[in-house]
């Protein structure tokens, strides 16, 4: 299950109010969620933003990914956005000097595609001969 931290719209028509929630990425925007992590009110001047920092950091540490808008709000409030790296990156292995690359295996072509390809080749040859005669 991929967890995202996103905004869930609430409030009346033309008076938006958003909850910051942790939810399954496959769920609807305003559907079922796992936990409410705060709220955001863009109508008030300046906008109101209340976040539960510890819970957000815990979700991010568990692999939850914030949406673009939530990521922007988190950065503005000073909360770390990226999960800590738990594994070390694998070193790239370079081939030895002078070693040749192995060619990729050609994938098999279906009979229909092979027939079409052959017909194109023949048509190209015929066109070439006609151009040479003219």
C-alpha atoms as a PDB file:
ATOM      1  CA  UNK A   1       0.000   0.000   0.000  1.00  0.00           C
ATOM      2  CA  UNK A   2       1.500   3.332  -1.091  1.00  0.00           C
ATOM      3  CA  UNK A   3       0.745   6.039   1.443  1.00  0.00           C
ATOM      4  CA  UNK A   4       0.570   9.690   0.444  1.00  0.00           C
ATOM      5  CA  UNK A   5       0.219  12.792   2.571  1.00  0.00           C
ATOM      6  CA  UNK A   6      -2.233  15.029   0.763  1.00  0.00           C
ATOM      7  CA  UNK A   7      -4.892  17.686   1.148  1.00  0.00           C
ATOM      8  CA  UNK A   8      -8.493  16.594   1.610  1.00  0.00           C
ATOM      9  CA  UNK A   9     -11.004  19.275   0.697  1.00  0.00           C
ATOM     10  CA  UNK A  10     -13.675  20.263   3.184  1.00  0.00           C
ATOM     11  CA  UNK A  11     -15.719  23.419   3.683  1.00  0.00           C
ATOM     12  CA  UNK A  12     -18.581  24.984   1.753  1.00  0.00           C
ATOM     13  CA  UNK A  13     -18.865  25.841  -1.913  1.00  0.00           C
ATOM     14  CA  UNK A  14     -16.281  28.504  -2.852  1.00  0.00           C
ATOM     15  CA  UNK A  15     -15.005  28.472   0.759  1.00  0.00           C
ATOM     16  CA  UNK A  16     -12.313  25.781   0.687  1.00  0.00           C
ATOM     17  CA  UNK A  17     -10.790  24.346   3.821  1.00  0.00           C
ATOM     18  CA  UNK A  18      -8.317  21.496   3.656  1.00  0.00           C
ATOM     19  CA  UNK A  19      -7.290  18.713   6.017  1.00  0.00           C
ATOM     20  CA  UNK A  20      -3.775  17.339   5.709  1.00  0.00           C
ATOM     21  CA  UNK A  21      -4.218  13.555   5.800  1.00  0.00           C
ATOM     22  CA  UNK A  22      -2.235  10.371   5.326  1.00  0.00           C
ATOM     23  CA  UNK A  23      -4.157   8.204   2.861  1.00  0.00           C
ATOM     24  CA  UNK A  24      -3.768   5.232   0.542  1.00  0.00           C
ATOM     25  CA  UNK A  25      -2.757   6.580  -2.883  1.00  0.00           C
ATOM     26  CA  UNK A  26      -5.493   4.532  -4.576  1.00  0.00           C
ATOM     27  CA  UNK A  27      -8.281   6.213  -2.600  1.00  0.00           C
ATOM     28  CA  UNK A  28     -10.265   9.233  -3.763  1.00  0.00           C
ATOM     29  CA  UNK A  29      -9.136  12.716  -2.764  1.00  0.00           C
ATOM     30  CA  UNK A  30     -11.947  13.098  -0.253  1.00  0.00           C
ATOM     31  CA  UNK A  31     -12.279   9.394   0.500  1.00  0.00           C
ATOM     32  CA  UNK A  32     -11.131   7.228   3.362  1.00  0.00           C
ATOM     33  CA  UNK A  33      -7.881   8.226   5.065  1.00  0.00           C
ATOM     34  CA  UNK A  34      -5.549   6.732   7.641  1.00  0.00           C
ATOM     35  CA  UNK A  35      -4.906   9.731   9.899  1.00  0.00           C
ATOM     36  CA  UNK A  36      -5.539  13.498  10.051  1.00  0.00           C
ATOM     37  CA  UNK A  37      -2.198  15.293  10.339  1.00  0.00           C
ATOM     38  CA  UNK A  38      -3.340  18.912  10.366  1.00  0.00           C
ATOM     39  CA  UNK A  39      -5.390  21.500   8.499  1.00  0.00           C
ATOM     40  CA  UNK A  40      -4.881  24.364   6.044  1.00  0.00           C
ATOM     41  CA  UNK A  41      -7.195  27.337   5.525  1.00  0.00           C
ATOM     42  CA  UNK A  42      -6.188  29.406   2.462  1.00  0.00           C
ATOM     43  CA  UNK A  43      -9.089  31.879   2.864  1.00  0.00           C
ATOM     44  CA  UNK A  44      -7.818  33.637   5.994  1.00  0.00           C
ATOM     45  CA  UNK A  45      -5.161  36.321   5.561  1.00  0.00           C
ATOM     46  CA  UNK A  46      -2.488  35.241   6.309  1.00  0.00           C
ATOM     47  CA  UNK A  47      -3.431  31.615   5.624  1.00  0.00           C
ATOM     48  CA  UNK A  48      -3.830  29.301   8.607  1.00  0.00           C
ATOM     49  CA  UNK A  49      -1.702  26.158   8.742  1.00  0.00           C
ATOM     50  CA  UNK A  50      -1.665  23.762  11.699  1.00  0.00           C
ATOM     51  CA  UNK A  51       0.406  20.593  11.411  1.00  0.00           C
ATOM     52  CA  UNK A  52       1.276  17.746  13.775  1.00  0.00           C
ATOM     53  CA  UNK A  53       5.005  17.702  13.096  1.00  0.00           C
ATOM     54  CA  UNK A  54       5.862  14.466  14.924  1.00  0.00           C
ATOM     55  CA  UNK A  55       3.180  12.433  13.177  1.00  0.00           C
ATOM     56  CA  UNK A  56       4.094  13.822   9.737  1.00  0.00           C
ATOM     57  CA  UNK A  57       7.762  13.004  10.276  1.00  0.00           C
ATOM     58  CA  UNK A  58       6.797   9.506  11.457  1.00  0.00           C
ATOM     59  CA  UNK A  59       4.723   8.901   8.302  1.00  0.00           C
ATOM     60  CA  UNK A  60       7.540  10.180   6.071  1.00  0.00           C
ATOM     61  CA  UNK A  61      10.019   7.938   7.885  1.00  0.00           C
ATOM     62  CA  UNK A  62       7.693   4.984   7.161  1.00  0.00           C
ATOM     63  CA  UNK A  63       7.759   5.825   3.448  1.00  0.00           C
ATOM     64  CA  UNK A  64       4.774   8.124   2.922  1.00  0.00           C
ATOM     65  CA  UNK A  65       5.255  10.593   0.080  1.00  0.00           C
ATOM     66  CA  UNK A  66       3.774  14.103   0.336  1.00  0.00           C
ATOM     67  CA  UNK A  67       1.907  15.572  -2.637  1.00  0.00           C
ATOM     68  CA  UNK A  68       3.417  18.621  -4.352  1.00  0.00           C
ATOM     69  CA  UNK A  69       1.176  21.085  -2.498  1.00  0.00           C
ATOM     70  CA  UNK A  70       1.721  19.435   0.881  1.00  0.00           C
ATOM     71  CA  UNK A  71       5.461  19.291   0.226  1.00  0.00           C
ATOM     72  CA  UNK A  72       5.419  23.048  -0.393  1.00  0.00           C
ATOM     73  CA  UNK A  73       3.470  23.655   2.829  1.00  0.00           C
ATOM     74  CA  UNK A  74       5.839  21.399   4.806  1.00  0.00           C
ATOM     75  CA  UNK A  75       8.910  23.214   3.474  1.00  0.00           C
ATOM     76  CA  UNK A  76       7.343  26.563   4.416  1.00  0.00           C
ATOM     77  CA  UNK A  77       6.737  25.332   7.963  1.00  0.00           C
ATOM     78  CA  UNK A  78      10.254  23.871   8.289  1.00  0.00           C
ATOM     79  CA  UNK A  79       9.436  20.164   8.323  1.00  0.00           C
ATOM     80  CA  UNK A  80      11.877  17.773   6.620  1.00  0.00           C
ATOM     81  CA  UNK A  81      10.287  16.357   3.481  1.00  0.00           C
ATOM     82  CA  UNK A  82      12.561  13.484   2.473  1.00  0.00           C
ATOM     83  CA  UNK A  83      12.715  10.141   4.252  1.00  0.00           C
ATOM     84  CA  UNK A  84      16.121   9.222   5.654  1.00  0.00           C
ATOM     85  CA  UNK A  85      18.081   6.817   3.471  1.00  0.00           C
ATOM     86  CA  UNK A  86      18.191   3.408   5.091  1.00  0.00           C
ATOM     87  CA  UNK A  87      20.163   1.554   2.434  1.00  0.00           C
ATOM     88  CA  UNK A  88      23.453   2.440   0.857  1.00  0.00           C
ATOM     89  CA  UNK A  89      23.401   2.965  -2.889  1.00  0.00           C
ATOM     90  CA  UNK A  90      24.983   0.209  -4.951  1.00  0.00           C
ATOM     91  CA  UNK A  91      28.227   1.097  -6.660  1.00  0.00           C
ATOM     92  CA  UNK A  92      28.116   0.967 -10.433  1.00  0.00           C
ATOM     93  CA  UNK A  93      30.326  -1.733 -11.840  1.00  0.00           C
ATOM     94  CA  UNK A  94      32.297  -0.556 -14.867  1.00  0.00           C
ATOM     95  CA  UNK A  95      33.376  -3.069 -17.478  1.00  0.00           C
ATOM     96  CA  UNK A  96      37.100  -3.709 -17.768  1.00  0.00           C
ATOM     97  CA  UNK A  97      39.036  -1.710 -20.345  1.00  0.00           C
ATOM     98  CA  UNK A  98      38.904  -3.310 -23.752  1.00  0.00           C
ATOM     99  CA  UNK A  99      35.911  -5.450 -22.834  1.00  0.00           C
ATOM    100  CA  UNK A 100      33.239  -5.495 -25.495  1.00  0.00           C
ATOM    101  CA  UNK A 101      29.617  -4.835 -24.709  1.00  0.00           C
ATOM    102  CA  UNK A 102      27.315  -7.727 -25.206  1.00  0.00           C
ATOM    103  CA  UNK A 103      24.619  -7.086 -27.772  1.00  0.00           C
ATOM    104  CA  UNK A 104      21.033  -7.239 -26.646  1.00  0.00           C
ATOM    105  CA  UNK A 105      19.036 -10.159 -27.923  1.00  0.00           C
ATOM    106  CA  UNK A 106      16.546  -9.258 -30.609  1.00  0.00           C
ATOM    107  CA  UNK A 107      12.984  -9.873 -29.578  1.00  0.00           C
ATOM    108  CA  UNK A 108      11.004 -12.223 -31.792  1.00  0.00           C
ATOM    109  CA  UNK A 109       8.718 -10.508 -34.300  1.00  0.00           C
ATOM    110  CA  UNK A 110       5.212 -11.759 -34.916  1.00  0.00           C
ATOM    111  CA  UNK A 111       4.419 -13.244 -38.336  1.00  0.00           C
ATOM    112  CA  UNK A 112       2.113 -10.340 -39.166  1.00  0.00           C
ATOM    113  CA  UNK A 113       4.815  -7.757 -38.414  1.00  0.00           C
ATOM    114  CA  UNK A 114       7.442  -9.735 -40.342  1.00  0.00           C
ATOM    115  CA  UNK A 115       5.145  -9.851 -43.385  1.00  0.00           C
ATOM    116  CA  UNK A 116       4.514  -6.103 -43.160  1.00  0.00           C
ATOM    117  CA  UNK A 117       8.253  -5.395 -42.841  1.00  0.00           C
ATOM    118  CA  UNK A 118       9.045  -7.529 -45.913  1.00  0.00           C
ATOM    119  CA  UNK A 119       6.316  -5.757 -47.927  1.00  0.00           C
ATOM    120  CA  UNK A 120       7.833  -2.368 -47.015  1.00  0.00           C
ATOM    121  CA  UNK A 121      11.275  -3.555 -48.174  1.00  0.00           C
ATOM    122  CA  UNK A 122       9.878  -4.709 -51.518  1.00  0.00           C
ATOM    123  CA  UNK A 123       7.958  -1.440 -51.998  1.00  0.00           C
ATOM    124  CA  UNK A 124      11.136   0.521 -51.254  1.00  0.00           C
ATOM    125  CA  UNK A 125      13.118  -1.465 -53.876  1.00  0.00           C
ATOM    126  CA  UNK A 126      10.388  -0.974 -56.491  1.00  0.00           C
ATOM    127  CA  UNK A 127      10.299   2.772 -55.814  1.00  0.00           C
ATOM    128  CA  UNK A 128      14.094   2.958 -56.077  1.00  0.00           C
ATOM    129  CA  UNK A 129      14.081   1.157 -59.473  1.00  0.00           C
ATOM    130  CA  UNK A 130      11.286   3.426 -60.772  1.00  0.00           C
ATOM    131  CA  UNK A 131      13.248   6.521 -59.693  1.00  0.00           C
ATOM    132  CA  UNK A 132      16.392   5.221 -61.435  1.00  0.00           C
ATOM    133  CA  UNK A 133      14.525   4.656 -64.728  1.00  0.00           C
ATOM    134  CA  UNK A 134      12.992   8.130 -64.712  1.00  0.00           C
END
